[in-house]
Amino acid sequence: MSAQDNQDRKVKIGVLGASGYTGAELLRLLIGHPRVEIALLTAERRAGKPMADVFPQFAPYKLPTLTAIEGADWQKLALDVAFCALPHGTTQKVIADLLERAPHTKVVDLSADFRLADPAAYARWYGHEHAALQLQKEAVYGLTEVYRLQIKAARLVANPGCYTTCAELALIPLLKAKAIDADEIVIDAKSGMTGAGRAAREDMLFAEVSEGFHAYGVGHHRHMAELDQEFSLAAGREVIVTFTPHLVPMNRGILSTIYVRGTKASPEDLHALLAKAYASEPFVHVLPFRTLPATRHVRGSNMTFIGVTADRIAGRAIIVSALDNLTKGASGQAVQNMNVMLGFPETTGLEQVALFP
């Protein structure tokens, strides 16, 4: 095979858990990706059905019929990359089996199963022991802008959570620079309903969530472990933040309003640090000082918008970060990580502008 043939070859992709919102978002992005061939789509309850029966927007496209994971012959499929969009707790065994049978397949896991490096922390926050400890040691945390070099060499990437991506991108450069007090961080975050998944639940009924707005997971949300892990690594010491998520009756989006105290840095200094950190990043945009983002500014795109303004209390700043929870918060970042793992241009398949209005 010539170098040109290898450059033009399409890689074989599988999406495990294609009937959920993140699975559908992966397909929306991958259909437009010039370097991939979608070879496998799995969905346990919808096995045997065409994807268009589950998500009618895919009716014009030739896609594999949905199958059960148990029927997948990993060796025969010889996937280049498998995206795993399965529920937390079930993913470990599926990925362990896949990589045992097809060790050359690369995996991007969108669940929380491989995000925490400490097995004890995983057991504490998720209520059971980890079932694939060797793979957990191998997994690379998939915040692309921070771990790009490690992701490039990885076989297994643990895609970050949506809330965590939104807050970490806004704060990690400041913690690394020791520009903010690591003990005085408050993250007030709001998410659209797709963050809760697609399963039928009484508390997700229209009448239960419309015309309302409520906090949940107060003081014990599982993303806290992920935030503490990454912020502690950035700061070089233990960091425990205050984080409260809220459910907003909209389909997509996360908006994090973050309150920080500068060490010797003014709010203008914090803005300058973030602007410098992300000056060459394709998917993080720091707005002019005192200009703040909204979820509608990033809807459907792989962008994160970050704004900084001064608090009225001297020495404090307010940082607002916005992203689409299904795109940069999940499936878009997963495709971004795949591009890095395979040596493709990082923006391939991800250059769509936000949909507005």
Protein backbone atom coordinates (compact mmCIF):
# COMPACT_ATOMS: atom_id res chain seq x y z
CA MET A 1 0.00 0.00 0.00
CA SER A 2 1.40 3.39 -0.99
CA ALA A 3 1.68 6.31 1.44
CA GLN A 4 -1.15 8.04 -0.45
CA ASP A 5 -3.39 4.95 -0.21
CA ASN A 6 -2.74 4.78 3.53
CA GLN A 7 -3.48 8.51 3.87
CA ASP A 8 -6.79 8.08 2.04
CA ARG A 9 -7.85 4.85 3.81
CA LYS A 10 -11.00 5.16 5.86
CA VAL A 11 -10.83 3.78 9.38
CA LYS A 12 -13.49 1.36 10.63
CA ILE A 13 -15.56 2.76 13.47
CA GLY A 14 -17.98 1.16 15.91
CA VAL A 15 -20.42 2.96 18.19
CA LEU A 16 -21.48 0.89 21.20
CA GLY A 17 -24.70 2.30 22.63
CA ALA A 18 -25.83 4.06 19.47
CA SER A 19 -29.45 4.48 20.57
CA GLY A 20 -28.70 7.08 23.26
CA TYR A 21 -28.24 10.81 22.86
CA THR A 22 -24.44 10.64 22.86
CA GLY A 23 -24.56 7.77 20.37
CA ALA A 24 -26.78 9.80 18.05
CA GLU A 25 -24.51 12.82 18.41
CA LEU A 26 -21.50 10.65 17.52
CA LEU A 27 -23.28 9.53 14.35
CA ARG A 28 -24.22 13.10 13.44
CA LEU A 29 -20.55 14.02 13.56
CA LEU A 30 -19.10 10.83 12.08
CA ILE A 31 -21.39 10.86 9.04
CA GLY A 32 -19.66 14.08 8.00
CA HIS A 33 -16.15 12.86 8.84
CA PRO A 34 -14.22 12.19 5.61
CA ARG A 35 -11.87 9.58 7.09
CA VAL A 36 -14.24 7.11 8.76
CA GLU A 37 -16.43 4.18 7.79
CA ILE A 38 -19.16 3.31 10.28
CA ALA A 39 -18.98 -0.48 10.55
CA LEU A 40 -20.91 -1.30 13.75
CA LEU A 41 -23.78 0.17 15.73
CA THR A 42 -25.03 -1.56 18.88
CA ALA A 43 -28.17 -1.09 20.97
CA GLU A 44 -29.46 -3.80 23.26
CA ARG A 45 -33.19 -3.00 23.34
CA ARG A 46 -33.28 -1.85 19.72
CA ALA A 47 -31.20 -4.69 18.25
CA GLY A 48 -32.33 -5.69 14.77
CA LYS A 49 -33.77 -2.28 13.94
CA PRO A 50 -32.43 0.29 11.48
CA MET A 51 -31.02 3.42 13.05
CA ALA A 52 -33.71 5.48 11.34
CA ASP A 53 -36.37 3.74 13.47
CA VAL A 54 -34.66 5.09 16.58
CA PHE A 55 -33.57 8.49 15.25
CA PRO A 56 -35.46 9.41 12.05
CA GLN A 57 -32.93 12.10 11.09
CA PHE A 58 -30.62 9.30 9.90
CA ALA A 59 -33.11 7.94 7.33
CA PRO A 60 -31.17 9.22 4.27
CA TYR A 61 -27.91 7.53 5.27
CA LYS A 62 -26.73 3.97 4.76
CA LEU A 63 -25.86 2.76 8.23
CA PRO A 64 -25.40 -0.69 9.78
CA THR A 65 -28.43 -2.27 11.42
CA LEU A 66 -28.37 -2.05 15.19
CA THR A 67 -27.08 -5.23 16.84
CA ALA A 68 -26.55 -6.56 20.36
CA ILE A 69 -23.01 -6.33 21.74
CA GLU A 70 -23.02 -10.05 22.51
CA GLY A 71 -23.18 -10.77 18.78
CA ALA A 72 -20.14 -8.66 17.89
CA ASP A 73 -17.13 -10.62 16.61
CA TRP A 74 -14.36 -8.20 17.59
CA GLN A 75 -11.64 -10.06 15.73
CA LYS A 76 -13.63 -10.28 12.51
CA LEU A 77 -14.80 -6.67 12.72
CA ALA A 78 -11.21 -5.46 13.18
CA LEU A 79 -12.36 -1.99 14.23
CA ASP A 80 -9.80 0.79 14.24
CA VAL A 81 -11.76 2.71 16.88
CA ALA A 82 -14.69 1.83 19.12
CA PHE A 83 -16.67 4.58 20.81
CA CYS A 84 -18.31 3.27 23.96
CA ALA A 85 -21.46 5.20 24.91
CA LEU A 86 -22.78 2.67 27.41
CA PRO A 87 -24.06 3.19 30.98
CA HIS A 88 -21.56 3.51 33.81
CA GLY A 89 -20.68 0.20 35.44
CA THR A 90 -21.29 -2.01 32.40
CA THR A 91 -18.57 -0.49 30.24
CA GLN A 92 -15.56 -2.02 32.01
CA LYS A 93 -16.41 -5.62 31.15
CA VAL A 94 -17.38 -4.77 27.57
CA ILE A 95 -14.13 -2.91 26.90
CA ALA A 96 -12.05 -5.57 28.66
CA ASP A 97 -13.56 -8.25 26.42
CA LEU A 98 -13.15 -6.13 23.28
CA LEU A 99 -9.48 -5.36 23.95
CA GLU A 100 -8.68 -8.95 24.90
CA ARG A 101 -10.05 -10.17 21.56
CA ALA A 102 -8.95 -7.21 19.43
CA PRO A 103 -5.98 -5.59 21.23
CA HIS A 104 -5.15 -3.25 18.34
CA THR A 105 -8.53 -1.50 18.49
CA LYS A 106 -8.45 1.96 20.04
CA VAL A 107 -11.26 2.85 22.43
CA VAL A 108 -12.80 6.16 23.42
CA ASP A 109 -15.05 5.57 26.43
CA LEU A 110 -17.76 8.16 27.07
CA SER A 111 -18.84 6.67 30.41
CA ALA A 112 -17.23 7.45 33.76
CA ASP A 113 -15.72 4.00 34.15
CA PHE A 114 -12.09 4.90 33.41
CA ARG A 115 -11.92 8.57 34.39
CA LEU A 116 -10.70 8.14 37.96
CA ALA A 117 -7.09 7.00 38.32
CA ASP A 118 -7.52 5.90 41.94
CA PRO A 119 -9.45 2.58 42.24
CA ALA A 120 -10.42 3.44 45.81
CA ALA A 121 -11.94 6.73 44.66
CA TYR A 122 -13.87 4.88 41.95
CA ALA A 123 -15.25 2.37 44.48
CA ARG A 124 -16.18 5.15 46.89
CA TRP A 125 -18.04 7.28 44.35
CA TYR A 126 -19.61 4.54 42.22
CA GLY A 127 -20.42 2.00 44.91
CA HIS A 128 -18.54 -1.05 43.58
CA GLU A 129 -15.03 -2.23 42.85
CA HIS A 130 -13.56 -1.60 39.42
CA ALA A 131 -13.74 -4.69 37.19
CA ALA A 132 -10.83 -3.87 34.86
CA LEU A 133 -7.99 -2.52 37.00
CA GLN A 134 -5.24 -3.13 34.44
CA LEU A 135 -7.13 -1.12 31.85
CA GLN A 136 -7.86 1.59 34.38
CA LYS A 137 -4.10 2.00 34.85
CA GLU A 138 -3.69 2.29 31.07
CA ALA A 139 -6.51 4.75 30.45
CA VAL A 140 -5.66 8.37 29.58
CA TYR A 141 -7.99 11.15 30.73
CA GLY A 142 -9.35 12.67 27.54
CA LEU A 143 -9.37 16.41 28.16
CA THR A 144 -7.74 17.05 24.80
CA GLU A 145 -6.35 20.52 25.45
CA VAL A 146 -4.51 19.29 28.56
CA TYR A 147 -3.50 15.71 27.70
CA ARG A 148 -3.00 15.90 23.94
CA LEU A 149 0.43 14.21 23.90
CA GLN A 150 -0.72 11.33 26.13
CA ILE A 151 -3.89 10.89 24.07
CA LYS A 152 -1.85 10.65 20.88
CA ALA A 153 -0.12 7.51 22.19
CA ALA A 154 -3.13 6.01 23.97
CA ARG A 155 -5.14 2.88 23.24
CA LEU A 156 -7.89 3.69 25.77
CA VAL A 157 -9.10 7.25 26.36
CA ALA A 158 -11.57 8.12 29.11
CA ASN A 159 -13.64 10.97 27.75
CA PRO A 160 -14.32 13.54 30.51
CA GLY A 161 -17.75 14.37 31.80
CA CYS A 162 -19.68 17.31 30.39
CA TYR A 163 -19.82 19.35 33.61
CA THR A 164 -16.17 18.63 34.27
CA THR A 165 -14.99 19.65 30.80
CA CYS A 166 -16.81 22.96 31.15
CA ALA A 167 -15.23 23.78 34.52
CA GLU A 168 -11.79 22.26 33.95
CA LEU A 169 -11.11 24.20 30.76
CA ALA A 170 -11.93 27.41 32.61
CA LEU A 171 -9.82 26.69 35.71
CA ILE A 172 -6.87 24.38 34.97
CA PRO A 173 -4.66 27.09 33.40
CA LEU A 174 -5.30 29.35 36.40
CA LEU A 175 -4.52 26.60 38.92
CA LYS A 176 -1.33 25.67 37.06
CA ALA A 177 -0.24 29.31 37.20
CA LYS A 178 -1.21 29.50 40.90
CA ALA A 179 -3.17 32.60 39.98
CA ILE A 180 -6.25 31.72 42.07
CA ASP A 181 -6.82 30.50 45.60
CA ALA A 182 -7.44 26.76 45.20
CA ASP A 183 -9.47 26.68 48.44
CA GLU A 184 -12.00 29.27 47.30
CA ILE A 185 -13.56 27.89 44.11
CA VAL A 186 -17.34 27.72 43.72
CA ILE A 187 -18.81 26.17 40.57
CA ASP A 188 -22.51 26.81 39.95
CA ALA A 189 -23.42 24.75 36.86
CA LYS A 190 -26.59 24.28 34.80
CA SER A 191 -27.27 21.56 32.23
CA GLY A 192 -29.89 20.76 29.64
CA MET A 193 -31.99 17.64 29.96
CA THR A 194 -30.02 15.48 27.53
CA GLY A 195 -27.32 15.27 30.19
CA ALA A 196 -29.59 12.85 32.04
CA GLY A 197 -29.66 10.37 29.15
CA ARG A 198 -32.54 9.01 27.08
CA ALA A 199 -33.99 6.33 29.38
CA ALA A 200 -37.63 6.82 30.39
CA ARG A 201 -37.79 8.29 33.90
CA GLU A 202 -40.65 9.81 35.81
CA ASP A 203 -38.59 12.77 36.99
CA MET A 204 -37.72 13.59 33.36
CA LEU A 205 -41.32 13.84 32.15
CA PHE A 206 -42.22 17.15 30.51
CA ALA A 207 -44.61 18.12 33.30
CA GLU A 208 -41.94 17.36 35.90
CA VAL A 209 -39.20 19.56 34.45
CA SER A 210 -40.79 22.25 32.29
CA GLU A 211 -41.32 25.72 33.77
CA GLY A 212 -38.93 24.84 36.57
CA PHE A 213 -35.28 24.78 37.51
CA HIS A 214 -33.73 22.77 40.32
CA ALA A 215 -30.44 21.72 41.89
CA TYR A 216 -29.59 18.03 42.20
CA GLY A 217 -26.72 15.87 43.45
CA VAL A 218 -26.09 18.63 45.98
CA GLY A 219 -22.92 17.93 47.94
CA HIS A 220 -22.40 14.48 46.44
CA HIS A 221 -22.47 14.57 42.64
CA ARG A 222 -20.08 12.01 41.11
CA HIS A 223 -18.38 14.58 38.91
CA MET A 224 -16.89 16.03 42.10
CA ALA A 225 -14.34 13.19 42.16
CA GLU A 226 -13.29 14.01 38.61
CA LEU A 227 -13.00 17.73 39.37
CA ASP A 228 -10.96 17.10 42.52
CA GLN A 229 -8.63 14.75 40.65
CA GLU A 230 -7.87 17.12 37.79
CA PHE A 231 -7.74 20.31 39.85
CA SER A 232 -5.37 18.66 42.36
CA LEU A 233 -3.07 17.58 39.53
CA ALA A 234 -3.11 21.10 38.09
CA ALA A 235 -2.47 22.79 41.44
CA GLY A 236 0.12 20.30 42.66
CA ARG A 237 -1.78 19.78 45.91
CA GLU A 238 -5.17 18.57 47.09
CA VAL A 239 -8.05 20.69 45.85
CA ILE A 240 -11.68 20.16 46.87
CA VAL A 241 -14.16 22.48 45.20
CA THR A 242 -17.75 23.44 45.84
CA PHE A 243 -19.81 22.23 42.87
CA THR A 244 -23.58 22.27 42.46
CA PRO A 245 -25.32 21.10 39.27
CA HIS A 246 -28.78 22.24 38.20
CA LEU A 247 -31.26 20.92 35.63
CA VAL A 248 -32.64 23.52 33.23
CA PRO A 249 -35.61 22.75 30.93
CA MET A 250 -33.68 23.01 27.67
CA ASN A 251 -32.40 20.25 25.41
CA ARG A 252 -28.69 21.04 25.16
CA GLY A 253 -26.03 23.06 26.86
CA ILE A 254 -24.02 23.63 30.02
CA LEU A 255 -23.33 26.99 31.60
CA SER A 256 -20.93 27.13 34.55
CA THR A 257 -20.70 30.29 36.61
CA ILE A 258 -17.48 30.02 38.60
CA TYR A 259 -16.44 32.24 41.50
CA VAL A 260 -12.72 32.54 42.28
CA ARG A 261 -10.34 34.70 44.29
CA GLY A 262 -7.09 35.76 42.68
CA THR A 263 -3.86 35.33 44.60
CA LYS A 264 -1.94 38.34 43.35
CA ALA A 265 -3.77 38.30 40.03
CA SER A 266 -6.52 40.76 39.12
CA PRO A 267 -9.56 39.66 37.10
CA GLU A 268 -7.86 41.23 34.06
CA ASP A 269 -4.78 39.10 34.76
CA LEU A 270 -6.89 35.94 34.96
CA HIS A 271 -8.48 36.81 31.64
CA ALA A 272 -5.07 37.37 30.08
CA LEU A 273 -3.82 34.00 31.38
CA LEU A 274 -6.78 32.17 29.87
CA ALA A 275 -6.52 34.05 26.58
CA LYS A 276 -2.83 33.13 26.32
CA ALA A 277 -3.43 29.48 27.29
CA TYR A 278 -6.04 29.00 24.57
CA ALA A 279 -4.76 31.35 21.87
CA SER A 280 -3.95 28.50 19.49
CA GLU A 281 -6.70 26.06 20.53
CA PRO A 282 -9.34 25.43 17.86
CA PHE A 283 -12.18 24.59 20.24
CA VAL A 284 -11.74 26.96 23.19
CA HIS A 285 -12.46 30.64 22.68
CA VAL A 286 -11.86 33.25 25.36
CA LEU A 287 -14.16 36.24 24.89
CA PRO A 288 -13.08 39.85 25.46
CA PHE A 289 -12.89 40.88 29.11
CA ARG A 290 -16.36 41.44 30.62
CA THR A 291 -18.05 39.65 27.69
CA LEU A 292 -19.89 36.52 28.85
CA PRO A 293 -21.11 33.49 26.85
CA ALA A 294 -24.51 31.84 26.64
CA THR A 295 -25.37 28.24 25.80
CA ARG A 296 -27.01 29.33 22.54
CA HIS A 297 -23.63 30.64 21.35
CA VAL A 298 -22.18 27.11 21.24
CA ARG A 299 -25.22 24.93 20.51
CA GLY A 300 -24.35 22.02 18.22
CA SER A 301 -20.68 23.04 17.97
CA ASN A 302 -17.54 21.60 19.53
CA MET A 303 -16.66 24.99 21.01
CA THR A 304 -16.22 26.11 24.60
CA PHE A 305 -16.67 29.84 25.18
CA ILE A 306 -15.15 31.37 28.31
CA GLY A 307 -15.73 34.85 29.70
CA VAL A 308 -14.20 36.65 32.68
CA THR A 309 -15.45 39.66 34.60
CA ALA A 310 -14.64 41.31 37.92
CA ASP A 311 -16.77 40.68 40.98
CA ARG A 312 -17.79 43.72 43.02
CA ILE A 313 -15.79 42.20 45.90
CA ALA A 314 -12.16 43.22 45.57
CA GLY A 315 -9.85 40.42 44.53
CA ARG A 316 -12.62 38.16 43.27
CA ALA A 317 -13.52 37.29 39.67
CA ILE A 318 -16.45 35.56 37.99
CA ILE A 319 -15.71 33.16 35.13
CA VAL A 320 -18.51 31.90 32.89
CA SER A 321 -17.92 28.86 30.69
CA ALA A 322 -20.38 27.46 28.16
CA LEU A 323 -20.43 24.36 25.95
CA ASP A 324 -22.86 21.94 24.34
CA ASN A 325 -23.05 18.96 26.68
CA LEU A 326 -23.57 16.51 23.80
CA THR A 327 -20.79 17.88 21.59
CA LYS A 328 -17.73 19.31 23.37
CA GLY A 329 -19.10 17.82 26.58
CA ALA A 330 -19.29 14.30 25.13
CA SER A 331 -19.37 13.13 21.52
CA GLY A 332 -17.55 16.04 19.88
CA GLN A 333 -14.68 15.75 22.34
CA ALA A 334 -14.68 11.98 21.69
CA VAL A 335 -14.23 12.58 17.95
CA GLN A 336 -11.59 15.20 18.73
CA ASN A 337 -9.73 12.57 20.78
CA MET A 338 -10.09 10.01 17.99
CA ASN A 339 -8.54 12.48 15.56
CA VAL A 340 -5.57 12.92 17.89
CA MET A 341 -5.19 9.16 18.45
CA LEU A 342 -5.18 8.44 14.71
CA GLY A 343 -3.02 11.39 13.67
CA PHE A 344 -5.81 13.14 11.75
CA PRO A 345 -6.07 16.95 11.81
CA GLU A 346 -7.75 17.60 15.14
CA THR A 347 -10.61 19.64 13.70
CA THR A 348 -11.66 17.05 11.09
CA GLY A 349 -15.42 16.51 11.17
CA LEU A 350 -15.86 19.11 13.91
CA GLU A 351 -15.84 22.45 12.17
CA GLN A 352 -19.57 23.10 12.24
CA VAL A 353 -20.54 26.54 13.54
CA ALA A 354 -23.04 26.79 16.40
CA LEU A 355 -26.69 26.64 15.36
CA PHE A 356 -28.39 29.92 16.22
CA PRO A 357 -31.16 30.79 16.68
